[in-house]
């Protein structure tokens, strides 16, 4: 379980394809605090640490993860948002995040607004995920508040701190991002569908 509050950034050092799996070697300033079998969210994707070598650790993505996320588009020297699993009893500064990406979305528009930015993302409505005004959304593992909700798109406001300390500074129009929709909203939607 995560909160969507990005802890630090990691840099991809190596990508190894083995059958249907991807092994990623990542350098970060928290590597020395990690342990094998620990869950870490990488751009919102919960992956397990399988090896540690100095400042670099390794995680493995399976076929389902590769198909549902943007991980297959990652390259050497790309940066990713990192968050370790929350500790029981910690403050929940973001929202409840599972680290299970629901689908990808595409950045449709970026507007600068007197020191902050508005990012608009479009997603495939056929997967039946929803957003609501002032509801929560996770974009590349970052917990955000929806400021404009439409049938298959939404906008979020990004403050300078978030822009500088996450991968938002690298997102451009056309960039593919990982989306995890609000878990409570998903359960409400599922219950509603079952009643129809």
C-alpha atoms as a PDB file:
ATOM      1  CA  UNK A   1       0.000   0.000   0.000  1.00  0.00           C
ATOM      2  CA  UNK A   2       1.281   3.452  -0.928  1.00  0.00           C
ATOM      3  CA  UNK A   3       0.207   7.079  -0.527  1.00  0.00           C
ATOM      4  CA  UNK A   4       1.222   8.594  -3.868  1.00  0.00           C
ATOM      5  CA  UNK A   5       3.668  10.958  -2.162  1.00  0.00           C
ATOM      6  CA  UNK A   6       6.837  10.565  -4.236  1.00  0.00           C
ATOM      7  CA  UNK A   7       9.817   9.981  -1.969  1.00  0.00           C
ATOM      8  CA  UNK A   8      12.666  10.433  -4.438  1.00  0.00           C
ATOM      9  CA  UNK A   9      13.662   9.818  -8.057  1.00  0.00           C
ATOM     10  CA  UNK A  10      15.527   6.851  -9.500  1.00  0.00           C
ATOM     11  CA  UNK A  11      17.583   6.545 -12.676  1.00  0.00           C
ATOM     12  CA  UNK A  12      17.318   3.489 -14.907  1.00  0.00           C
ATOM     13  CA  UNK A  13      20.799   2.055 -15.414  1.00  0.00           C
ATOM     14  CA  UNK A  14      20.093  -1.197 -17.267  1.00  0.00           C
ATOM     15  CA  UNK A  15      17.136  -3.024 -18.822  1.00  0.00           C
ATOM     16  CA  UNK A  16      17.418  -6.764 -19.428  1.00  0.00           C
ATOM     17  CA  UNK A  17      14.743  -8.715 -21.313  1.00  0.00           C
ATOM     18  CA  UNK A  18      14.454 -12.353 -20.264  1.00  0.00           C
ATOM     19  CA  UNK A  19      11.676 -14.286 -22.008  1.00  0.00           C
ATOM     20  CA  UNK A  20       8.498 -12.316 -21.145  1.00  0.00           C
ATOM     21  CA  UNK A  21      10.043 -10.508 -18.169  1.00  0.00           C
ATOM     22  CA  UNK A  22      11.946  -7.223 -17.856  1.00  0.00           C
ATOM     23  CA  UNK A  23      14.684  -6.820 -15.235  1.00  0.00           C
ATOM     24  CA  UNK A  24      15.439  -3.185 -14.445  1.00  0.00           C
ATOM     25  CA  UNK A  25      18.506  -1.957 -12.587  1.00  0.00           C
ATOM     26  CA  UNK A  26      17.828   1.374 -10.887  1.00  0.00           C
ATOM     27  CA  UNK A  27      20.107   3.776  -9.011  1.00  0.00           C
ATOM     28  CA  UNK A  28      18.648   5.933  -6.247  1.00  0.00           C
ATOM     29  CA  UNK A  29      19.667   7.694  -3.062  1.00  0.00           C
ATOM     30  CA  UNK A  30      17.491   5.287  -1.030  1.00  0.00           C
ATOM     31  CA  UNK A  31      19.074   2.078  -2.384  1.00  0.00           C
ATOM     32  CA  UNK A  32      21.161   1.609   0.767  1.00  0.00           C
ATOM     33  CA  UNK A  33      17.912   1.614   2.814  1.00  0.00           C
ATOM     34  CA  UNK A  34      16.187  -1.040   0.691  1.00  0.00           C
ATOM     35  CA  UNK A  35      16.096  -4.762   1.312  1.00  0.00           C
ATOM     36  CA  UNK A  36      15.359  -7.744  -0.896  1.00  0.00           C
ATOM     37  CA  UNK A  37      11.619  -8.589  -1.118  1.00  0.00           C
ATOM     38  CA  UNK A  38      10.665  -4.965  -0.388  1.00  0.00           C
ATOM     39  CA  UNK A  39       7.895  -3.351  -2.455  1.00  0.00           C
ATOM     40  CA  UNK A  40       8.705  -0.047  -4.158  1.00  0.00           C
ATOM     41  CA  UNK A  41       6.422   1.935  -6.466  1.00  0.00           C
ATOM     42  CA  UNK A  42       8.143   2.972  -9.714  1.00  0.00           C
ATOM     43  CA  UNK A  43       6.043   5.562 -11.581  1.00  0.00           C
ATOM     44  CA  UNK A  44       3.122   4.003  -9.733  1.00  0.00           C
ATOM     45  CA  UNK A  45       4.028   0.370 -10.512  1.00  0.00           C
ATOM     46  CA  UNK A  46       4.568  -1.786  -7.432  1.00  0.00           C
ATOM     47  CA  UNK A  47       7.695  -3.876  -8.078  1.00  0.00           C
ATOM     48  CA  UNK A  48       9.665  -6.122  -5.726  1.00  0.00           C
ATOM     49  CA  UNK A  49      13.368  -5.579  -5.061  1.00  0.00           C
ATOM     50  CA  UNK A  50      15.132  -8.794  -6.106  1.00  0.00           C
ATOM     51  CA  UNK A  51      18.814  -7.773  -5.870  1.00  0.00           C
ATOM     52  CA  UNK A  52      20.957  -4.950  -4.479  1.00  0.00           C
ATOM     53  CA  UNK A  53      24.472  -4.053  -5.633  1.00  0.00           C
ATOM     54  CA  UNK A  54      25.902  -0.884  -4.099  1.00  0.00           C
ATOM     55  CA  UNK A  55      23.785   2.098  -5.179  1.00  0.00           C
ATOM     56  CA  UNK A  56      21.844   0.024  -7.739  1.00  0.00           C
ATOM     57  CA  UNK A  57      18.947  -2.352  -7.106  1.00  0.00           C
ATOM     58  CA  UNK A  58      17.040  -4.680  -9.429  1.00  0.00           C
ATOM     59  CA  UNK A  59      13.305  -5.215  -9.896  1.00  0.00           C
ATOM     60  CA  UNK A  60      11.436  -7.522 -12.277  1.00  0.00           C
ATOM     61  CA  UNK A  61       8.290  -6.786 -14.289  1.00  0.00           C
ATOM     62  CA  UNK A  62       6.158  -9.630 -15.612  1.00  0.00           C
ATOM     63  CA  UNK A  63       4.114  -9.743 -18.837  1.00  0.00           C
ATOM     64  CA  UNK A  64       0.882  -8.388 -17.290  1.00  0.00           C
ATOM     65  CA  UNK A  65       2.722  -5.384 -15.846  1.00  0.00           C
ATOM     66  CA  UNK A  66       4.421  -4.721 -19.180  1.00  0.00           C
ATOM     67  CA  UNK A  67       1.078  -4.844 -21.013  1.00  0.00           C
ATOM     68  CA  UNK A  68      -0.844  -2.581 -18.582  1.00  0.00           C
ATOM     69  CA  UNK A  69       1.781   0.116 -17.979  1.00  0.00           C
ATOM     70  CA  UNK A  70       4.269   2.293 -19.825  1.00  0.00           C
ATOM     71  CA  UNK A  71       7.269   0.313 -18.519  1.00  0.00           C
ATOM     72  CA  UNK A  72       8.051  -1.076 -21.977  1.00  0.00           C
ATOM     73  CA  UNK A  73       8.808   2.496 -23.103  1.00  0.00           C
ATOM     74  CA  UNK A  74      11.379   3.179 -20.393  1.00  0.00           C
ATOM     75  CA  UNK A  75      14.974   3.718 -21.511  1.00  0.00           C
ATOM     76  CA  UNK A  76      18.425   3.866 -19.960  1.00  0.00           C
ATOM     77  CA  UNK A  77      18.907   7.160 -18.017  1.00  0.00           C
ATOM     78  CA  UNK A  78      15.139   7.793 -17.742  1.00  0.00           C
ATOM     79  CA  UNK A  79      14.072   8.987 -14.306  1.00  0.00           C
ATOM     80  CA  UNK A  80      11.187   7.403 -12.400  1.00  0.00           C
ATOM     81  CA  UNK A  81       9.205   8.417  -9.317  1.00  0.00           C
ATOM     82  CA  UNK A  82       9.954   6.188  -6.317  1.00  0.00           C
ATOM     83  CA  UNK A  83       7.930   5.537  -3.176  1.00  0.00           C
ATOM     84  CA  UNK A  84       8.438   2.839  -0.579  1.00  0.00           C
ATOM     85  CA  UNK A  85       5.352   1.176   0.905  1.00  0.00           C
ATOM     86  CA  UNK A  86       3.758   3.136   3.710  1.00  0.00           C
ATOM     87  CA  UNK A  87       4.290   2.120   7.344  1.00  0.00           C
ATOM     88  CA  UNK A  88       1.228   1.262   9.397  1.00  0.00           C
ATOM     89  CA  UNK A  89       0.492   4.263  11.609  1.00  0.00           C
ATOM     90  CA  UNK A  90       2.060   6.850   9.269  1.00  0.00           C
ATOM     91  CA  UNK A  91       0.106   9.872   8.088  1.00  0.00           C
ATOM     92  CA  UNK A  92      -1.735   9.321   4.828  1.00  0.00           C
ATOM     93  CA  UNK A  93      -0.635  12.564   3.152  1.00  0.00           C
ATOM     94  CA  UNK A  94      -1.782  11.518  -0.320  1.00  0.00           C
ATOM     95  CA  UNK A  95      -4.530   8.928  -0.775  1.00  0.00           C
ATOM     96  CA  UNK A  96      -4.810   5.134  -0.700  1.00  0.00           C
ATOM     97  CA  UNK A  97      -2.711   3.859  -3.608  1.00  0.00           C
ATOM     98  CA  UNK A  98      -2.282   0.161  -4.375  1.00  0.00           C
ATOM     99  CA  UNK A  99       0.579   0.383  -6.851  1.00  0.00           C
ATOM    100  CA  UNK A 100      -1.564  -1.494  -9.399  1.00  0.00           C
ATOM    101  CA  UNK A 101      -1.769   0.585 -12.570  1.00  0.00           C
ATOM    102  CA  UNK A 102      -5.263   0.465 -14.093  1.00  0.00           C
ATOM    103  CA  UNK A 103      -4.301   1.745 -17.521  1.00  0.00           C
ATOM    104  CA  UNK A 104      -2.150   4.259 -19.331  1.00  0.00           C
ATOM    105  CA  UNK A 105      -3.117   7.732 -20.454  1.00  0.00           C
ATOM    106  CA  UNK A 106      -1.627  10.334 -22.781  1.00  0.00           C
ATOM    107  CA  UNK A 107      -0.775  13.928 -21.947  1.00  0.00           C
ATOM    108  CA  UNK A 108      -3.047  16.006 -24.154  1.00  0.00           C
ATOM    109  CA  UNK A 109      -2.239  19.556 -23.010  1.00  0.00           C
ATOM    110  CA  UNK A 110       0.028  21.493 -20.645  1.00  0.00           C
ATOM    111  CA  UNK A 111      -0.861  25.052 -19.608  1.00  0.00           C
ATOM    112  CA  UNK A 112       1.310  27.331 -17.512  1.00  0.00           C
ATOM    113  CA  UNK A 113      -0.692  29.322 -14.974  1.00  0.00           C
ATOM    114  CA  UNK A 114       1.132  32.009 -12.996  1.00  0.00           C
ATOM    115  CA  UNK A 115       3.739  29.748 -11.411  1.00  0.00           C
ATOM    116  CA  UNK A 116       1.950  26.402 -11.615  1.00  0.00           C
ATOM    117  CA  UNK A 117       0.884  24.107 -14.435  1.00  0.00           C
ATOM    118  CA  UNK A 118      -2.301  22.373 -15.566  1.00  0.00           C
ATOM    119  CA  UNK A 119      -1.764  18.983 -17.192  1.00  0.00           C
ATOM    120  CA  UNK A 120      -4.624  17.330 -19.094  1.00  0.00           C
ATOM    121  CA  UNK A 121      -4.597  13.573 -19.694  1.00  0.00           C
ATOM    122  CA  UNK A 122      -6.777  11.466 -21.983  1.00  0.00           C
ATOM    123  CA  UNK A 123      -7.479   7.757 -21.440  1.00  0.00           C
ATOM    124  CA  UNK A 124      -9.421   4.924 -23.063  1.00  0.00           C
ATOM    125  CA  UNK A 125     -12.991   5.153 -21.727  1.00  0.00           C
ATOM    126  CA  UNK A 126     -13.754   1.558 -22.809  1.00  0.00           C
ATOM    127  CA  UNK A 127     -11.915   0.307 -19.706  1.00  0.00           C
ATOM    128  CA  UNK A 128     -14.646   2.060 -17.675  1.00  0.00           C
ATOM    129  CA  UNK A 129     -12.431   3.909 -15.213  1.00  0.00           C
ATOM    130  CA  UNK A 130     -13.759   7.206 -13.911  1.00  0.00           C
ATOM    131  CA  UNK A 131     -12.621  10.410 -12.255  1.00  0.00           C
ATOM    132  CA  UNK A 132     -14.661  12.957 -10.323  1.00  0.00           C
ATOM    133  CA  UNK A 133     -14.090  16.651  -9.587  1.00  0.00           C
ATOM    134  CA  UNK A 134     -11.877  17.022  -6.489  1.00  0.00           C
ATOM    135  CA  UNK A 135     -11.383  13.249  -6.418  1.00  0.00           C
ATOM    136  CA  UNK A 136      -8.002  11.528  -6.277  1.00  0.00           C
ATOM    137  CA  UNK A 137      -5.955  10.172  -9.180  1.00  0.00           C
ATOM    138  CA  UNK A 138      -2.428   8.796  -9.370  1.00  0.00           C
ATOM    139  CA  UNK A 139      -0.313   9.829 -12.375  1.00  0.00           C
ATOM    140  CA  UNK A 140       3.043   8.019 -12.588  1.00  0.00           C
ATOM    141  CA  UNK A 141       2.695   7.263  -8.878  1.00  0.00           C
ATOM    142  CA  UNK A 142       1.976  10.868  -7.851  1.00  0.00           C
ATOM    143  CA  UNK A 143      -1.173  11.443  -5.779  1.00  0.00           C
ATOM    144  CA  UNK A 144      -3.120  14.348  -7.286  1.00  0.00           C
ATOM    145  CA  UNK A 145      -6.516  16.025  -7.104  1.00  0.00           C
ATOM    146  CA  UNK A 146      -8.685  16.098 -10.230  1.00  0.00           C
ATOM    147  CA  UNK A 147      -9.588  19.687 -11.142  1.00  0.00           C
ATOM    148  CA  UNK A 148     -11.505  19.012 -14.349  1.00  0.00           C
ATOM    149  CA  UNK A 149     -13.225  15.673 -14.925  1.00  0.00           C
ATOM    150  CA  UNK A 150     -14.693  14.584 -18.245  1.00  0.00           C
ATOM    151  CA  UNK A 151     -15.771  11.223 -19.676  1.00  0.00           C
ATOM    152  CA  UNK A 152     -12.324  10.115 -20.818  1.00  0.00           C
ATOM    153  CA  UNK A 153     -10.017  12.914 -19.690  1.00  0.00           C
ATOM    154  CA  UNK A 154      -9.100  14.918 -16.626  1.00  0.00           C
ATOM    155  CA  UNK A 155      -6.787  17.741 -15.573  1.00  0.00           C
ATOM    156  CA  UNK A 156      -4.568  18.183 -12.531  1.00  0.00           C
ATOM    157  CA  UNK A 157      -2.808  21.251 -11.140  1.00  0.00           C
ATOM    158  CA  UNK A 158       0.912  20.884 -10.459  1.00  0.00           C
ATOM    159  CA  UNK A 159       2.667  23.186  -7.995  1.00  0.00           C
ATOM    160  CA  UNK A 160       6.369  24.063  -8.470  1.00  0.00           C
ATOM    161  CA  UNK A 161       7.544  21.657  -5.732  1.00  0.00           C
ATOM    162  CA  UNK A 162       5.787  18.696  -7.373  1.00  0.00           C
ATOM    163  CA  UNK A 163       6.994  19.781 -10.808  1.00  0.00           C
ATOM    164  CA  UNK A 164      10.646  19.902  -9.700  1.00  0.00           C
ATOM    165  CA  UNK A 165      10.664  16.785  -7.504  1.00  0.00           C
ATOM    166  CA  UNK A 166       8.789  14.301  -9.701  1.00  0.00           C
ATOM    167  CA  UNK A 167       8.824  13.205 -13.340  1.00  0.00           C
ATOM    168  CA  UNK A 168       6.305  15.941 -14.234  1.00  0.00           C
ATOM    169  CA  UNK A 169       9.206  18.104 -15.429  1.00  0.00           C
ATOM    170  CA  UNK A 170       9.819  15.455 -18.129  1.00  0.00           C
ATOM    171  CA  UNK A 171       6.199  15.055 -19.289  1.00  0.00           C
ATOM    172  CA  UNK A 172       5.350  16.611 -22.652  1.00  0.00           C
ATOM    173  CA  UNK A 173       2.263  16.556 -24.842  1.00  0.00           C
ATOM    174  CA  UNK A 174       2.064  12.980 -26.164  1.00  0.00           C
ATOM    175  CA  UNK A 175       3.855  11.389 -23.180  1.00  0.00           C
ATOM    176  CA  UNK A 176       2.352   8.060 -22.059  1.00  0.00           C
ATOM    177  CA  UNK A 177       1.754   7.906 -18.280  1.00  0.00           C
ATOM    178  CA  UNK A 178       0.584   5.301 -15.776  1.00  0.00           C
ATOM    179  CA  UNK A 179      -2.825   5.906 -14.190  1.00  0.00           C
ATOM    180  CA  UNK A 180      -4.233   4.390 -11.026  1.00  0.00           C
ATOM    181  CA  UNK A 181      -7.774   5.532 -10.372  1.00  0.00           C
ATOM    182  CA  UNK A 182      -9.097   6.068  -6.844  1.00  0.00           C
ATOM    183  CA  UNK A 183      -9.659   2.685  -5.162  1.00  0.00           C
ATOM    184  CA  UNK A 184     -12.824   3.825  -3.380  1.00  0.00           C
ATOM    185  CA  UNK A 185     -14.256   5.118  -6.666  1.00  0.00           C
ATOM    186  CA  UNK A 186     -13.481   1.777  -8.317  1.00  0.00           C
ATOM    187  CA  UNK A 187     -15.422  -0.135  -5.658  1.00  0.00           C
ATOM    188  CA  UNK A 188     -18.371   2.262  -5.858  1.00  0.00           C
ATOM    189  CA  UNK A 189     -18.411   1.923  -9.664  1.00  0.00           C
ATOM    190  CA  UNK A 190     -18.272  -1.879  -9.409  1.00  0.00           C
ATOM    191  CA  UNK A 191     -21.138  -1.990  -6.910  1.00  0.00           C
ATOM    192  CA  UNK A 192     -23.207   0.312  -9.108  1.00  0.00           C
ATOM    193  CA  UNK A 193     -22.572  -1.885 -12.156  1.00  0.00           C
ATOM    194  CA  UNK A 194     -23.650  -4.999 -10.216  1.00  0.00           C
ATOM    195  CA  UNK A 195     -26.954  -3.334  -9.239  1.00  0.00           C
ATOM    196  CA  UNK A 196     -27.877  -2.482 -12.843  1.00  0.00           C
END
